Amino acid sequence: MAVMEQNKDVEQIVKTNIKPLQRPAIIWVFNDTWELLKRSLRHIKQDPEQLIGVTIQPIMFVVLFRYVFGGAINTGGISYVNFLMAGIFVQTAVFGSTTTGVGIATDVKEGIVDRFRSLPMVKFAVLTGHVLGDLVRSLLAMAVMIGAGLAVGFRPEASIVQWIGVIGVLLLVTFALSWLSAIIGLIGKSVEFVQQAGFIWLFPLTFASSAFVPTSSMPTWLRGFAENQPITQSIDAVRALLLNLPVGNHVWLTLIWFIAMLIIAFPLAAYCFKVRTAE
């Protein structure tokens, strides 16, 4: 069934990419990226795992952490559910970025990328389609989490401008990590390896952070790491914006961390894609 759906996607893109030669190159780029983005989004409803990832899984995280840890962790003058939601938002964005690597690895394994190479299309659109699809999934998951959070007592105090800032931070985190995930998807020799490799380095960054507990409760050696790594900076930025607290340097440090990741990951992903498709 999955192969049949992939073939339908390719047939649709084949029809779309029969372009007159006089069309400007920039139009080809946007058109090809748009078609690959739509293909990536179609997989959400066709793939139960992806559907669970943007609906059921965020709700489970919110409910479980809210009621399992909510009565045991001291977060000062902030209710635990209000403290928690920033961590859940960023955690979902971080874990959701691994979908890019898995999707690319699946395309390579099933020969879909080779079929795209034979089309008159921008080859790099295969990567951008997956990455942009992750951004849309992140927005859908965020909407689900807001609803679940409000149902269990989450009460944000953010203004419209601060909500825009929250969405911007989460999209930047997803975007940067999706390009890193794309690199793993291109260098991995199997889908299973890519799935495991994508989480191995993200788990310690997510849980050794301020996502679920204040860093002040951690041992000194761990606290130093937790307070100065990019996931914590993004969580603290989102938390401050959501609760109308002083943001300090958290937003700027988040921008520096994740823009630096993009500067490194984007050209490296392009190189890995070129090497992989040349094999």
Protein backbone atom coordinates (compact mmCIF):
# COMPACT_ATOMS: atom_id res chain seq x y z
CA MET A 1 0.00 0.00 0.00
CA ALA A 2 2.82 2.42 0.89
CA VAL A 3 4.53 1.74 -2.46
CA MET A 4 1.26 2.39 -4.32
CA GLU A 5 0.86 5.72 -2.52
CA GLN A 6 4.46 6.67 -3.31
CA ASN A 7 3.84 5.85 -6.99
CA LYS A 8 0.74 8.07 -6.99
CA ASP A 9 2.82 10.89 -5.54
CA VAL A 10 5.44 10.48 -8.24
CA GLU A 11 2.81 10.36 -11.00
CA GLN A 12 1.26 13.58 -9.69
CA ILE A 13 4.64 15.30 -9.62
CA VAL A 14 5.46 14.01 -13.11
CA LYS A 15 2.28 15.67 -14.42
CA THR A 16 3.05 18.90 -12.59
CA ASN A 17 6.66 19.08 -13.73
CA ILE A 18 6.01 19.03 -17.47
CA LYS A 19 7.01 22.68 -17.76
CA PRO A 20 7.59 24.90 -20.77
CA LEU A 21 11.28 25.74 -21.04
CA GLN A 22 10.62 29.49 -21.09
CA ARG A 23 9.41 29.56 -17.48
CA PRO A 24 11.76 31.49 -15.13
CA ALA A 25 13.96 29.27 -12.98
CA ILE A 26 12.63 30.79 -9.76
CA ILE A 27 9.10 29.67 -10.71
CA TRP A 28 10.40 26.13 -11.16
CA VAL A 29 11.95 26.23 -7.69
CA PHE A 30 8.74 27.37 -5.98
CA ASN A 31 6.56 25.04 -8.03
CA ASP A 32 8.70 21.96 -7.34
CA THR A 33 9.01 22.78 -3.64
CA TRP A 34 5.24 23.29 -3.39
CA GLU A 35 4.53 19.92 -5.03
CA LEU A 36 6.97 18.10 -2.75
CA LEU A 37 5.51 19.91 0.27
CA LYS A 38 2.01 18.75 -0.67
CA ARG A 39 3.35 15.23 -1.08
CA SER A 40 4.88 15.37 2.40
CA LEU A 41 1.63 16.64 3.92
CA ARG A 42 -0.43 13.92 2.21
CA HIS A 43 1.65 11.39 4.09
CA ILE A 44 0.32 12.72 7.41
CA LYS A 45 -3.15 11.33 6.79
CA GLN A 46 -1.85 8.26 4.94
CA ASP A 47 0.72 7.30 7.58
CA PRO A 48 -0.79 6.44 10.99
CA GLU A 49 2.53 7.05 12.76
CA GLN A 50 2.70 10.64 11.52
CA LEU A 51 -0.97 11.22 12.37
CA ILE A 52 -0.35 9.99 15.91
CA GLY A 53 2.73 12.21 16.13
CA VAL A 54 0.72 15.41 15.58
CA THR A 55 -2.43 14.46 17.51
CA ILE A 56 -2.39 11.72 20.15
CA GLN A 57 1.26 11.93 21.18
CA PRO A 58 1.21 15.66 22.13
CA ILE A 59 -1.95 15.11 24.20
CA MET A 60 -0.36 12.15 25.99
CA PHE A 61 2.74 14.18 26.86
CA VAL A 62 0.68 17.06 28.22
CA VAL A 63 -1.63 14.89 30.33
CA LEU A 64 1.02 12.49 31.64
CA PHE A 65 3.60 15.09 32.62
CA ARG A 66 0.91 17.36 34.06
CA TYR A 67 -0.48 14.75 36.44
CA VAL A 68 2.56 12.50 37.02
CA PHE A 69 5.03 15.28 37.91
CA GLY A 70 2.63 18.10 38.71
CA GLY A 71 2.33 17.35 42.43
CA ALA A 72 5.96 16.51 43.06
CA ILE A 73 8.00 19.32 41.51
CA ASN A 74 8.42 22.76 43.05
CA THR A 75 8.49 25.47 40.38
CA GLY A 76 8.36 28.45 42.72
CA GLY A 77 5.57 30.91 42.08
CA ILE A 78 4.59 29.36 38.75
CA SER A 79 2.07 26.53 38.57
CA TYR A 80 3.60 23.36 37.21
CA VAL A 81 1.29 23.19 34.20
CA ASN A 82 2.29 26.72 33.18
CA PHE A 83 5.96 25.83 33.71
CA LEU A 84 5.55 22.57 31.80
CA MET A 85 3.90 23.74 28.58
CA ALA A 86 6.94 25.56 27.22
CA GLY A 87 8.96 22.35 27.62
CA ILE A 88 6.25 20.28 25.92
CA PHE A 89 6.06 22.73 23.01
CA VAL A 90 9.80 22.62 22.40
CA GLN A 91 10.06 18.88 23.02
CA THR A 92 7.42 18.18 20.38
CA ALA A 93 9.16 20.51 17.92
CA VAL A 94 12.50 18.78 18.59
CA PHE A 95 11.21 15.23 18.29
CA GLY A 96 9.04 16.14 15.30
CA SER A 97 12.10 17.28 13.37
CA THR A 98 13.30 13.67 13.16
CA THR A 99 10.48 13.00 10.68
CA THR A 100 12.55 14.74 8.00
CA GLY A 101 15.41 12.27 8.27
CA VAL A 102 13.11 9.25 8.34
CA GLY A 103 11.15 10.50 5.32
CA ILE A 104 14.29 11.16 3.30
CA ALA A 105 15.80 7.79 4.25
CA THR A 106 12.56 6.09 3.19
CA ASP A 107 12.57 7.88 -0.17
CA VAL A 108 16.18 6.84 -0.79
CA LYS A 109 15.52 3.23 0.23
CA GLU A 110 12.43 2.86 -1.96
CA GLY A 111 14.05 4.46 -5.00
CA ILE A 112 11.76 7.49 -5.02
CA VAL A 113 14.70 9.90 -5.12
CA ASP A 114 16.10 8.09 -8.16
CA ARG A 115 12.76 8.51 -9.91
CA PHE A 116 12.72 12.22 -9.10
CA ARG A 117 16.20 12.54 -10.62
CA SER A 118 14.75 11.60 -13.99
CA LEU A 119 12.22 14.45 -13.88
CA PRO A 120 12.75 18.02 -15.13
CA MET A 121 12.63 19.35 -11.58
CA VAL A 122 14.78 21.00 -8.95
CA LYS A 123 16.30 17.97 -7.25
CA PHE A 124 16.90 19.78 -3.94
CA ALA A 125 13.12 20.25 -3.62
CA VAL A 126 13.04 16.69 -2.25
CA LEU A 127 14.74 17.98 0.90
CA THR A 128 12.92 21.31 1.15
CA GLY A 129 9.56 19.55 0.74
CA HIS A 130 10.28 17.31 3.72
CA VAL A 131 11.62 20.17 5.86
CA LEU A 132 8.68 22.48 5.15
CA GLY A 133 6.32 19.59 5.80
CA ASP A 134 7.84 19.32 9.27
CA LEU A 135 7.11 23.01 9.88
CA VAL A 136 3.43 22.45 9.08
CA ARG A 137 3.34 19.35 11.30
CA SER A 138 4.89 21.40 14.10
CA LEU A 139 2.12 24.01 13.80
CA LEU A 140 -0.58 21.32 13.85
CA ALA A 141 0.95 19.68 16.91
CA MET A 142 1.22 23.04 18.64
CA ALA A 143 -2.50 23.72 18.08
CA VAL A 144 -3.35 20.31 19.57
CA MET A 145 -1.10 20.94 22.58
CA ILE A 146 -2.61 24.34 23.28
CA GLY A 147 -6.06 22.78 23.39
CA ALA A 148 -4.86 19.94 25.65
CA GLY A 149 -2.99 22.37 27.90
CA LEU A 150 -6.00 24.64 28.36
CA ALA A 151 -8.08 21.58 29.26
CA VAL A 152 -5.69 20.65 32.11
CA GLY A 153 -5.23 24.15 33.53
CA PHE A 154 -2.69 25.92 31.32
CA ARG A 155 -3.28 29.67 31.49
CA PRO A 156 -0.90 31.68 29.27
CA GLU A 157 -0.55 35.42 29.71
CA ALA A 158 1.08 36.18 26.36
CA SER A 159 -0.03 39.04 24.13
CA ILE A 160 -0.53 38.58 20.40
CA VAL A 161 3.01 39.82 19.76
CA GLN A 162 4.40 37.37 22.33
CA TRP A 163 2.43 34.50 20.75
CA ILE A 164 3.97 35.42 17.40
CA GLY A 165 7.36 35.25 19.12
CA VAL A 166 6.54 31.81 20.55
CA ILE A 167 5.53 30.48 17.13
CA GLY A 168 8.63 32.01 15.56
CA VAL A 169 10.95 30.35 18.10
CA LEU A 170 9.28 26.95 17.66
CA LEU A 171 9.44 27.16 13.86
CA LEU A 172 13.12 28.16 14.00
CA VAL A 173 13.90 25.19 16.28
CA THR A 174 12.02 22.81 13.98
CA PHE A 175 13.57 24.27 10.83
CA ALA A 176 17.17 24.10 12.05
CA LEU A 177 16.87 20.60 13.54
CA SER A 178 15.05 19.33 10.46
CA TRP A 179 18.08 20.18 8.32
CA LEU A 180 20.33 18.33 10.77
CA SER A 181 17.87 15.43 10.59
CA ALA A 182 18.06 15.57 6.79
CA ILE A 183 21.82 15.00 7.00
CA ILE A 184 21.27 11.91 9.17
CA GLY A 185 18.65 10.67 6.70
CA LEU A 186 21.10 11.04 3.82
CA ILE A 187 24.11 9.40 5.46
CA GLY A 188 22.17 6.62 7.19
CA LYS A 189 22.23 3.23 5.49
CA SER A 190 18.80 2.17 6.73
CA VAL A 191 15.56 3.73 7.93
CA GLU A 192 15.96 1.96 11.28
CA PHE A 193 19.40 3.50 11.80
CA VAL A 194 18.07 6.97 10.98
CA GLN A 195 15.21 6.57 13.47
CA GLN A 196 17.59 5.60 16.27
CA ALA A 197 20.31 8.11 15.39
CA GLY A 198 17.80 10.95 15.26
CA PHE A 199 16.74 10.40 18.87
CA ILE A 200 20.06 9.38 20.46
CA TRP A 201 21.43 12.93 20.53
CA LEU A 202 18.10 14.70 21.02
CA PHE A 203 17.01 12.79 24.12
CA PRO A 204 19.80 14.03 26.44
CA LEU A 205 19.47 17.58 25.13
CA THR A 206 15.72 17.58 25.77
CA PHE A 207 15.62 15.90 29.18
CA ALA A 208 18.81 17.51 30.54
CA SER A 209 17.18 20.91 30.14
CA SER A 210 14.65 23.16 31.82
CA ALA A 211 11.78 21.40 30.01
CA PHE A 212 10.29 19.51 32.96
CA VAL A 213 12.15 20.63 36.08
CA PRO A 214 13.97 23.81 37.12
CA THR A 215 17.69 23.52 36.42
CA SER A 216 18.35 24.74 39.98
CA SER A 217 17.30 21.29 41.24
CA MET A 218 20.04 19.52 39.23
CA PRO A 219 23.55 18.54 40.42
CA THR A 220 26.13 21.26 39.80
CA TRP A 221 27.92 19.40 36.99
CA LEU A 222 24.65 18.79 35.13
CA ARG A 223 23.22 22.21 35.85
CA GLY A 224 26.09 23.93 34.06
CA PHE A 225 25.40 21.92 30.92
CA ALA A 226 21.61 22.21 31.14
CA GLU A 227 21.58 25.98 31.52
CA ASN A 228 23.89 26.64 28.58
CA GLN A 229 22.65 24.35 25.84
CA PRO A 230 20.35 25.42 22.96
CA ILE A 231 17.24 23.47 23.93
CA THR A 232 17.13 25.12 27.37
CA GLN A 233 17.57 28.56 25.83
CA SER A 234 14.65 27.98 23.48
CA ILE A 235 12.46 26.59 26.29
CA ASP A 236 13.25 29.53 28.59
CA ALA A 237 12.50 31.95 25.75
CA VAL A 238 9.14 30.30 25.03
CA ARG A 239 8.27 30.12 28.75
CA ALA A 240 9.05 33.79 29.31
CA LEU A 241 6.95 34.82 26.29
CA LEU A 242 4.01 32.60 27.26
CA LEU A 243 3.91 33.77 30.86
CA ASN A 244 4.78 37.42 30.16
CA LEU A 245 8.03 37.18 32.12
CA PRO A 246 11.34 38.98 31.42
CA VAL A 247 12.97 37.22 28.47
CA GLY A 248 16.51 38.28 29.31
CA ASN A 249 18.98 37.00 26.71
CA HIS A 250 17.09 33.78 26.02
CA VAL A 251 15.58 34.89 22.69
CA TRP A 252 18.89 36.23 21.40
CA LEU A 253 20.79 33.13 22.49
CA THR A 254 18.14 30.94 20.84
CA LEU A 255 18.53 32.87 17.59
CA ILE A 256 22.32 32.58 17.74
CA TRP A 257 22.28 28.83 18.47
CA PHE A 258 19.77 27.79 15.85
CA ILE A 259 20.82 30.18 13.09
CA ALA A 260 24.37 28.86 13.56
CA MET A 261 22.98 25.33 13.17
CA LEU A 262 21.27 26.38 9.93
CA ILE A 263 24.42 27.98 8.55
CA ILE A 264 26.23 24.68 9.08
CA ALA A 265 23.46 22.20 8.32
CA PHE A 266 21.99 23.65 5.12
CA PRO A 267 25.10 23.50 2.89
CA LEU A 268 26.13 20.19 4.47
CA ALA A 269 22.73 18.70 3.69
CA ALA A 270 23.03 19.95 0.11
CA TYR A 271 26.45 18.32 -0.20
CA CYS A 272 25.25 15.02 1.31
CA PHE A 273 22.27 15.01 -1.05
CA LYS A 274 24.53 15.59 -4.04
CA VAL A 275 26.84 12.75 -2.97
CA ARG A 276 23.99 10.36 -2.14
CA THR A 277 22.14 10.94 -5.41
CA ALA A 278 25.37 10.52 -7.38
CA GLU A 279 25.90 6.98 -6.06
